[in-house]
Amino acid sequence: MHNGRVTDFDPRALLAESRLGVLATLKSSGLPQLSPVTPFYDREGERILVSVVEGRAKTANLRRDPRAALEVTSADGRSWATAEGTVDLIGPGDDPNGPEVEALVDYYRRAAGEHPDWDEYRSVMVADRRVLLVLKVDHVYGQRIG
């Protein structure tokens, strides 16, 4: 209900269509660390996938405390959705054909389709020390305003 009327807003639909979000992790002080990310919501698996870099604040925070939240906002700014849960980190990998890089290939295919040069992509994932963040969604909420 919103202002006395039933709305058909589905926050999971907004999560599924959004390709830009803000990831909240917890610093050792307990304060939030906010980072813009490019999420992919796997609705069937109830998980959000994000490619991140080893050594960055969000990755270090999640290695210490796996709790996280991701918020997305509609293009018109009138809807928002937040997913909360715990994170597993896969990688970084040292082998361009190893399972850690395969997980990143799967993420890319789901989020963007086929890459023009998979060998190059794989070598960049190793060189950049990329990690696949897998947020297991425990709770989703959001709102459409107006």
N, C-alpha and C. Protein backbone atom coordinates (compact mmCIF):
# COMPACT_ATOMS: atom_id res chain seq x y z
N MET A 1 0.85 -1.18 0.00
CA MET A 1 0.00 0.00 0.00
C MET A 1 0.88 1.24 0.00
N HIS A 2 0.47 2.23 -0.73
CA HIS A 2 1.14 3.52 -0.73
C HIS A 2 0.05 4.58 -0.84
N ASN A 3 -0.04 5.44 0.16
CA ASN A 3 -1.08 6.48 0.18
C ASN A 3 -2.48 5.89 -0.03
N GLY A 4 -2.73 4.72 0.60
CA GLY A 4 -4.05 4.15 0.54
C GLY A 4 -4.36 3.33 -0.70
N ARG A 5 -3.42 3.21 -1.64
CA ARG A 5 -3.72 2.41 -2.82
C ARG A 5 -2.64 1.33 -3.00
N VAL A 6 -3.07 0.22 -3.55
CA VAL A 6 -2.15 -0.89 -3.77
C VAL A 6 -1.29 -0.58 -4.99
N THR A 7 0.01 -0.83 -4.84
CA THR A 7 0.90 -0.62 -5.97
C THR A 7 1.39 -1.97 -6.46
N ASP A 8 1.76 -2.03 -7.72
CA ASP A 8 2.25 -3.29 -8.29
C ASP A 8 3.78 -3.26 -8.42
N PHE A 9 4.43 -2.44 -7.64
CA PHE A 9 5.88 -2.32 -7.71
C PHE A 9 6.54 -3.61 -7.23
N ASP A 10 7.47 -4.12 -8.03
CA ASP A 10 8.22 -5.32 -7.69
C ASP A 10 9.70 -4.94 -7.58
N PRO A 11 10.24 -4.84 -6.37
CA PRO A 11 11.64 -4.43 -6.24
C PRO A 11 12.60 -5.41 -6.92
N ARG A 12 12.23 -6.69 -7.02
CA ARG A 12 13.10 -7.66 -7.71
C ARG A 12 13.20 -7.35 -9.21
N ALA A 13 12.13 -6.85 -9.79
CA ALA A 13 12.17 -6.46 -11.21
C ALA A 13 13.15 -5.30 -11.41
N LEU A 14 13.15 -4.35 -10.51
CA LEU A 14 14.10 -3.24 -10.60
C LEU A 14 15.53 -3.73 -10.43
N LEU A 15 15.75 -4.65 -9.50
CA LEU A 15 17.09 -5.25 -9.34
C LEU A 15 17.53 -5.92 -10.63
N ALA A 16 16.61 -6.63 -11.29
CA ALA A 16 16.94 -7.37 -12.50
C ALA A 16 17.30 -6.45 -13.67
N GLU A 17 16.67 -5.29 -13.75
CA GLU A 17 16.92 -4.41 -14.90
C GLU A 17 18.07 -3.42 -14.67
N SER A 18 18.50 -3.26 -13.44
CA SER A 18 19.51 -2.25 -13.12
C SER A 18 20.92 -2.76 -13.37
N ARG A 19 21.73 -1.92 -13.98
CA ARG A 19 23.13 -2.25 -14.23
C ARG A 19 24.08 -1.30 -13.51
N LEU A 20 23.53 -0.50 -12.60
CA LEU A 20 24.35 0.37 -11.76
C LEU A 20 23.72 0.39 -10.38
N GLY A 21 24.55 0.16 -9.39
CA GLY A 21 24.04 0.16 -8.03
C GLY A 21 25.11 0.63 -7.06
N VAL A 22 24.72 0.73 -5.80
CA VAL A 22 25.65 1.12 -4.74
C VAL A 22 25.71 -0.05 -3.76
N LEU A 23 26.93 -0.57 -3.57
CA LEU A 23 27.17 -1.67 -2.66
C LEU A 23 27.61 -1.11 -1.32
N ALA A 24 26.96 -1.56 -0.26
CA ALA A 24 27.35 -1.16 1.10
C ALA A 24 28.01 -2.36 1.79
N THR A 25 29.24 -2.14 2.25
CA THR A 25 29.95 -3.12 3.07
C THR A 25 30.27 -2.43 4.39
N LEU A 26 30.79 -3.20 5.34
CA LEU A 26 31.07 -2.63 6.65
C LEU A 26 32.58 -2.48 6.88
N LYS A 27 32.98 -1.25 7.21
CA LYS A 27 34.37 -1.00 7.60
C LYS A 27 34.61 -1.60 8.98
N SER A 28 35.88 -1.73 9.35
CA SER A 28 36.18 -2.28 10.68
C SER A 28 35.62 -1.40 11.79
N SER A 29 35.39 -0.12 11.52
CA SER A 29 34.80 0.79 12.51
C SER A 29 33.30 0.56 12.67
N GLY A 30 32.70 -0.22 11.75
CA GLY A 30 31.25 -0.43 11.77
C GLY A 30 30.50 0.52 10.85
N LEU A 31 31.17 1.57 10.37
CA LEU A 31 30.53 2.49 9.43
C LEU A 31 30.43 1.85 8.05
N PRO A 32 29.45 2.28 7.25
CA PRO A 32 29.33 1.70 5.91
C PRO A 32 30.39 2.24 4.95
N GLN A 33 30.82 1.39 4.05
CA GLN A 33 31.66 1.76 2.91
C GLN A 33 30.76 1.62 1.69
N LEU A 34 30.56 2.68 0.94
CA LEU A 34 29.67 2.67 -0.21
C LEU A 34 30.50 2.70 -1.49
N SER A 35 30.17 1.83 -2.44
CA SER A 35 30.91 1.72 -3.68
C SER A 35 29.95 1.56 -4.85
N PRO A 36 30.12 2.35 -5.93
CA PRO A 36 29.31 2.11 -7.12
C PRO A 36 29.79 0.82 -7.79
N VAL A 37 28.84 -0.02 -8.22
CA VAL A 37 29.17 -1.29 -8.85
C VAL A 37 28.22 -1.56 -10.01
N THR A 38 28.57 -2.57 -10.83
CA THR A 38 27.74 -3.01 -11.94
C THR A 38 27.20 -4.40 -11.59
N PRO A 39 25.99 -4.46 -11.02
CA PRO A 39 25.46 -5.74 -10.56
C PRO A 39 24.71 -6.50 -11.65
N PHE A 40 24.66 -7.82 -11.47
CA PHE A 40 23.76 -8.67 -12.26
C PHE A 40 22.94 -9.49 -11.27
N TYR A 41 21.62 -9.36 -11.33
CA TYR A 41 20.73 -10.08 -10.42
C TYR A 41 20.27 -11.37 -11.08
N ASP A 42 20.64 -12.48 -10.48
CA ASP A 42 20.20 -13.81 -10.90
C ASP A 42 18.94 -14.11 -10.09
N ARG A 43 17.80 -13.83 -10.69
CA ARG A 43 16.53 -13.93 -9.97
C ARG A 43 16.22 -15.37 -9.55
N GLU A 44 16.53 -16.33 -10.42
CA GLU A 44 16.25 -17.73 -10.09
C GLU A 44 17.12 -18.22 -8.94
N GLY A 45 18.39 -17.80 -8.93
CA GLY A 45 19.31 -18.22 -7.88
C GLY A 45 19.28 -17.34 -6.65
N GLU A 46 18.48 -16.25 -6.72
CA GLU A 46 18.40 -15.27 -5.63
C GLU A 46 19.80 -14.85 -5.18
N ARG A 47 20.58 -14.38 -6.17
CA ARG A 47 21.92 -13.90 -5.87
C ARG A 47 22.27 -12.76 -6.83
N ILE A 48 23.15 -11.91 -6.37
CA ILE A 48 23.63 -10.79 -7.17
C ILE A 48 25.12 -11.01 -7.40
N LEU A 49 25.53 -10.86 -8.66
CA LEU A 49 26.92 -11.06 -9.05
C LEU A 49 27.55 -9.72 -9.42
N VAL A 50 28.78 -9.51 -8.94
CA VAL A 50 29.51 -8.28 -9.22
C VAL A 50 30.98 -8.65 -9.38
N SER A 51 31.64 -8.09 -10.38
CA SER A 51 33.08 -8.25 -10.53
C SER A 51 33.77 -7.13 -9.75
N VAL A 52 34.65 -7.53 -8.82
CA VAL A 52 35.38 -6.56 -7.98
C VAL A 52 36.87 -6.88 -8.05
N VAL A 53 37.69 -6.02 -7.46
CA VAL A 53 39.14 -6.17 -7.51
C VAL A 53 39.68 -6.50 -6.12
N GLU A 54 40.56 -7.48 -6.07
CA GLU A 54 41.22 -7.83 -4.81
C GLU A 54 42.00 -6.62 -4.30
N GLY A 55 41.96 -6.40 -2.98
CA GLY A 55 42.72 -5.30 -2.38
C GLY A 55 41.95 -4.00 -2.23
N ARG A 56 40.82 -3.87 -2.89
CA ARG A 56 40.01 -2.66 -2.74
C ARG A 56 39.27 -2.73 -1.41
N ALA A 57 38.81 -1.57 -0.94
CA ALA A 57 38.15 -1.49 0.38
C ALA A 57 36.98 -2.45 0.49
N LYS A 58 36.10 -2.48 -0.52
CA LYS A 58 34.91 -3.33 -0.41
C LYS A 58 35.29 -4.81 -0.32
N THR A 59 36.32 -5.22 -1.06
CA THR A 59 36.75 -6.62 -1.03
C THR A 59 37.35 -6.96 0.33
N ALA A 60 38.20 -6.09 0.83
CA ALA A 60 38.81 -6.31 2.15
C ALA A 60 37.74 -6.34 3.23
N ASN A 61 36.77 -5.43 3.16
CA ASN A 61 35.68 -5.41 4.14
C ASN A 61 34.91 -6.73 4.12
N LEU A 62 34.62 -7.24 2.93
CA LEU A 62 33.83 -8.47 2.81
C LEU A 62 34.62 -9.70 3.25
N ARG A 63 35.92 -9.67 3.12
CA ARG A 63 36.73 -10.80 3.61
C ARG A 63 36.69 -10.83 5.15
N ARG A 64 36.51 -9.67 5.76
CA ARG A 64 36.44 -9.58 7.22
C ARG A 64 35.01 -9.83 7.72
N ASP A 65 34.01 -9.29 7.02
CA ASP A 65 32.61 -9.38 7.42
C ASP A 65 31.78 -9.52 6.14
N PRO A 66 31.18 -10.68 5.88
CA PRO A 66 30.53 -10.92 4.59
C PRO A 66 29.14 -10.28 4.42
N ARG A 67 28.67 -9.54 5.39
CA ARG A 67 27.35 -8.91 5.26
C ARG A 67 27.42 -7.70 4.31
N ALA A 68 26.40 -7.58 3.46
CA ALA A 68 26.39 -6.48 2.50
C ALA A 68 24.96 -6.16 2.08
N ALA A 69 24.81 -4.99 1.47
CA ALA A 69 23.54 -4.58 0.88
C ALA A 69 23.84 -3.89 -0.44
N LEU A 70 22.93 -4.03 -1.38
CA LEU A 70 23.06 -3.37 -2.67
C LEU A 70 21.77 -2.61 -2.93
N GLU A 71 21.92 -1.33 -3.29
CA GLU A 71 20.74 -0.54 -3.63
C GLU A 71 20.84 -0.09 -5.08
N VAL A 72 19.70 -0.16 -5.77
CA VAL A 72 19.58 0.35 -7.13
C VAL A 72 18.44 1.35 -7.16
N THR A 73 18.51 2.27 -8.11
CA THR A 73 17.50 3.31 -8.27
C THR A 73 17.07 3.34 -9.73
N SER A 74 15.79 3.56 -9.97
CA SER A 74 15.31 3.66 -11.36
C SER A 74 15.89 4.91 -12.01
N ALA A 75 15.86 4.93 -13.34
CA ALA A 75 16.41 6.06 -14.10
C ALA A 75 15.71 7.38 -13.74
N ASP A 76 14.41 7.33 -13.44
CA ASP A 76 13.69 8.56 -13.11
C ASP A 76 13.82 8.93 -11.62
N GLY A 77 14.51 8.08 -10.85
CA GLY A 77 14.72 8.39 -9.44
C GLY A 77 13.50 8.18 -8.55
N ARG A 78 12.44 7.61 -9.11
CA ARG A 78 11.19 7.48 -8.34
C ARG A 78 10.99 6.08 -7.76
N SER A 79 11.90 5.17 -8.05
CA SER A 79 11.83 3.82 -7.49
C SER A 79 13.21 3.42 -7.00
N TRP A 80 13.22 2.61 -5.95
CA TRP A 80 14.49 2.08 -5.45
C TRP A 80 14.24 0.69 -4.91
N ALA A 81 15.30 -0.12 -4.91
CA ALA A 81 15.23 -1.47 -4.36
C ALA A 81 16.55 -1.77 -3.68
N THR A 82 16.47 -2.47 -2.55
CA THR A 82 17.65 -2.86 -1.80
C THR A 82 17.60 -4.36 -1.56
N ALA A 83 18.75 -5.01 -1.78
CA ALA A 83 18.91 -6.43 -1.49
C ALA A 83 19.96 -6.56 -0.41
N GLU A 84 19.67 -7.39 0.59
CA GLU A 84 20.60 -7.63 1.69
C GLU A 84 20.95 -9.11 1.75
N GLY A 85 22.16 -9.40 2.22
CA GLY A 85 22.54 -10.79 2.40
C GLY A 85 24.01 -10.93 2.75
N THR A 86 24.50 -12.14 2.56
CA THR A 86 25.91 -12.41 2.81
C THR A 86 26.60 -12.73 1.50
N VAL A 87 27.90 -12.48 1.49
CA VAL A 87 28.70 -12.56 0.27
C VAL A 87 29.71 -13.70 0.35
N ASP A 88 29.85 -14.39 -0.77
CA ASP A 88 30.98 -15.29 -1.00
C ASP A 88 31.85 -14.62 -2.06
N LEU A 89 33.16 -14.72 -1.92
CA LEU A 89 34.10 -14.17 -2.89
C LEU A 89 34.81 -15.33 -3.58
N ILE A 90 34.83 -15.30 -4.91
CA ILE A 90 35.49 -16.34 -5.70
C ILE A 90 36.68 -15.70 -6.41
N GLY A 91 37.88 -16.11 -6.03
CA GLY A 91 39.09 -15.58 -6.65
C GLY A 91 39.86 -14.74 -5.68
N PRO A 92 40.91 -14.08 -6.17
CA PRO A 92 41.32 -14.01 -7.57
C PRO A 92 41.99 -15.30 -8.03
N GLY A 93 42.01 -15.48 -9.34
CA GLY A 93 42.64 -16.66 -9.93
C GLY A 93 43.97 -16.32 -10.58
N ASP A 94 44.86 -17.31 -10.61
CA ASP A 94 46.16 -17.14 -11.26
C ASP A 94 46.19 -17.76 -12.66
N ASP A 95 45.20 -18.61 -12.95
CA ASP A 95 45.15 -19.35 -14.21
C ASP A 95 44.00 -18.80 -15.05
N PRO A 96 44.29 -18.27 -16.26
CA PRO A 96 43.22 -17.74 -17.11
C PRO A 96 42.13 -18.76 -17.44
N ASN A 97 42.44 -20.06 -17.31
CA ASN A 97 41.46 -21.10 -17.59
C ASN A 97 40.98 -21.81 -16.33
N GLY A 98 41.31 -21.23 -15.17
CA GLY A 98 40.93 -21.83 -13.89
C GLY A 98 39.50 -21.53 -13.51
N PRO A 99 39.02 -22.18 -12.45
CA PRO A 99 37.61 -22.02 -12.04
C PRO A 99 37.25 -20.61 -11.59
N GLU A 100 38.19 -19.88 -11.00
CA GLU A 100 37.90 -18.51 -10.56
C GLU A 100 37.60 -17.61 -11.76
N VAL A 101 38.39 -17.76 -12.82
CA VAL A 101 38.17 -16.95 -14.03
C VAL A 101 36.94 -17.45 -14.77
N GLU A 102 36.68 -18.76 -14.74
CA GLU A 102 35.45 -19.29 -15.36
C GLU A 102 34.21 -18.67 -14.73
N ALA A 103 34.24 -18.46 -13.41
CA ALA A 103 33.11 -17.83 -12.72
C ALA A 103 32.90 -16.40 -13.24
N LEU A 104 34.00 -15.68 -13.51
CA LEU A 104 33.90 -14.33 -14.06
C LEU A 104 33.40 -14.35 -15.51
N VAL A 105 33.79 -15.35 -16.28
CA VAL A 105 33.30 -15.50 -17.65
C VAL A 105 31.78 -15.72 -17.62
N ASP A 106 31.32 -16.57 -16.72
CA ASP A 106 29.88 -16.83 -16.59
C ASP A 106 29.13 -15.55 -16.22
N TYR A 107 29.69 -14.80 -15.27
CA TYR A 107 29.09 -13.51 -14.89
C TYR A 107 28.98 -12.59 -16.10
N TYR A 108 30.07 -12.45 -16.87
CA TYR A 108 30.07 -11.56 -18.04
C TYR A 108 29.00 -12.00 -19.04
N ARG A 109 28.96 -13.30 -19.32
CA ARG A 109 27.97 -13.79 -20.30
C ARG A 109 26.55 -13.48 -19.85
N ARG A 110 26.26 -13.66 -18.56
CA ARG A 110 24.91 -13.40 -18.06
C ARG A 110 24.58 -11.91 -18.10
N ALA A 111 25.57 -11.07 -17.78
CA ALA A 111 25.33 -9.63 -17.67
C ALA A 111 25.40 -8.91 -19.02
N ALA A 112 26.30 -9.37 -19.91
CA ALA A 112 26.56 -8.59 -21.12
C ALA A 112 26.57 -9.39 -22.42
N GLY A 113 26.50 -10.71 -22.34
CA GLY A 113 26.55 -11.52 -23.56
C GLY A 113 27.96 -11.99 -23.87
N GLU A 114 28.23 -12.21 -25.13
CA GLU A 114 29.54 -12.74 -25.54
C GLU A 114 30.57 -11.62 -25.64
N HIS A 115 31.77 -11.92 -25.22
CA HIS A 115 32.89 -10.98 -25.30
C HIS A 115 33.57 -11.17 -26.66
N PRO A 116 34.06 -10.09 -27.28
CA PRO A 116 34.70 -10.25 -28.59
C PRO A 116 36.03 -11.01 -28.56
N ASP A 117 36.68 -11.08 -27.39
CA ASP A 117 37.96 -11.77 -27.29
C ASP A 117 38.10 -12.38 -25.89
N TRP A 118 37.66 -13.64 -25.77
CA TRP A 118 37.66 -14.28 -24.45
C TRP A 118 39.06 -14.49 -23.91
N ASP A 119 40.06 -14.73 -24.76
CA ASP A 119 41.43 -14.91 -24.28
C ASP A 119 41.93 -13.62 -23.62
N GLU A 120 41.64 -12.49 -24.27
CA GLU A 120 42.03 -11.20 -23.70
C GLU A 120 41.29 -10.96 -22.37
N TYR A 121 39.99 -11.22 -22.35
CA TYR A 121 39.20 -11.05 -21.13
C TYR A 121 39.80 -11.87 -19.99
N ARG A 122 40.09 -13.12 -20.25
CA ARG A 122 40.64 -14.01 -19.24
C ARG A 122 41.97 -13.50 -18.70
N SER A 123 42.84 -13.04 -19.59
CA SER A 123 44.15 -12.55 -19.13
C SER A 123 44.00 -11.27 -18.33
N VAL A 124 43.06 -10.41 -18.69
CA VAL A 124 42.82 -9.17 -17.94
C VAL A 124 42.26 -9.50 -16.55
N MET A 125 41.40 -10.51 -16.45
CA MET A 125 40.84 -10.88 -15.14
C MET A 125 41.95 -11.33 -14.19
N VAL A 126 42.94 -12.05 -14.70
CA VAL A 126 44.08 -12.49 -13.88
C VAL A 126 44.97 -11.29 -13.54
N ALA A 127 45.31 -10.49 -14.55
CA ALA A 127 46.20 -9.33 -14.35
C ALA A 127 45.60 -8.32 -13.38
N ASP A 128 44.29 -8.10 -13.46
CA ASP A 128 43.61 -7.12 -12.60
C ASP A 128 43.27 -7.69 -11.22
N ARG A 129 43.52 -9.00 -11.03
CA ARG A 129 43.19 -9.69 -9.77
C ARG A 129 41.70 -9.54 -9.44
N ARG A 130 40.88 -9.83 -10.46
CA ARG A 130 39.43 -9.75 -10.34
C ARG A 130 38.88 -10.88 -9.49
N VAL A 131 37.82 -10.56 -8.76
CA VAL A 131 37.15 -11.47 -7.85
C VAL A 131 35.66 -11.40 -8.16
N LEU A 132 34.98 -12.54 -8.17
CA LEU A 132 33.54 -12.53 -8.34
C LEU A 132 32.88 -12.47 -6.97
N LEU A 133 32.11 -11.41 -6.75
CA LEU A 133 31.34 -11.23 -5.53
C LEU A 133 29.98 -11.87 -5.77
N VAL A 134 29.57 -12.78 -4.90
CA VAL A 134 28.27 -13.43 -5.01
C VAL A 134 27.49 -13.12 -3.74
N LEU A 135 26.51 -12.22 -3.87
CA LEU A 135 25.66 -11.83 -2.75
C LEU A 135 24.44 -12.75 -2.72
N LYS A 136 24.34 -13.59 -1.70
CA LYS A 136 23.17 -14.46 -1.52
C LYS A 136 22.07 -13.61 -0.90
N VAL A 137 21.03 -13.34 -1.66
CA VAL A 137 19.98 -12.42 -1.25
C VAL A 137 19.08 -13.07 -0.20
N ASP A 138 19.04 -12.47 0.97
CA ASP A 138 18.18 -12.92 2.06
C ASP A 138 16.91 -12.08 2.18
N HIS A 139 16.99 -10.81 1.78
CA HIS A 139 15.87 -9.89 1.97
C HIS A 139 15.92 -8.83 0.88
N VAL A 140 14.76 -8.52 0.31
CA VAL A 140 14.63 -7.46 -0.70
C VAL A 140 13.49 -6.55 -0.29
N TYR A 141 13.72 -5.26 -0.42
CA TYR A 141 12.65 -4.29 -0.16
C TYR A 141 12.88 -3.08 -1.05
N GLY A 142 11.85 -2.27 -1.19
CA GLY A 142 11.96 -1.09 -2.03
C GLY A 142 10.63 -0.39 -2.12
N GLN A 143 10.60 0.65 -2.97
CA GLN A 143 9.37 1.45 -3.07
C GLN A 143 9.35 2.19 -4.38
N ARG A 144 8.16 2.40 -4.88
CA ARG A 144 7.89 3.29 -6.01
C ARG A 144 7.21 4.50 -5.42
N ILE A 145 7.73 5.68 -5.68
CA ILE A 145 7.17 6.91 -5.15
C ILE A 145 6.26 7.53 -6.19
N GLY A 146 5.02 7.73 -5.81
CA GLY A 146 4.05 8.38 -6.71
C GLY A 146 3.36 7.46 -7.65
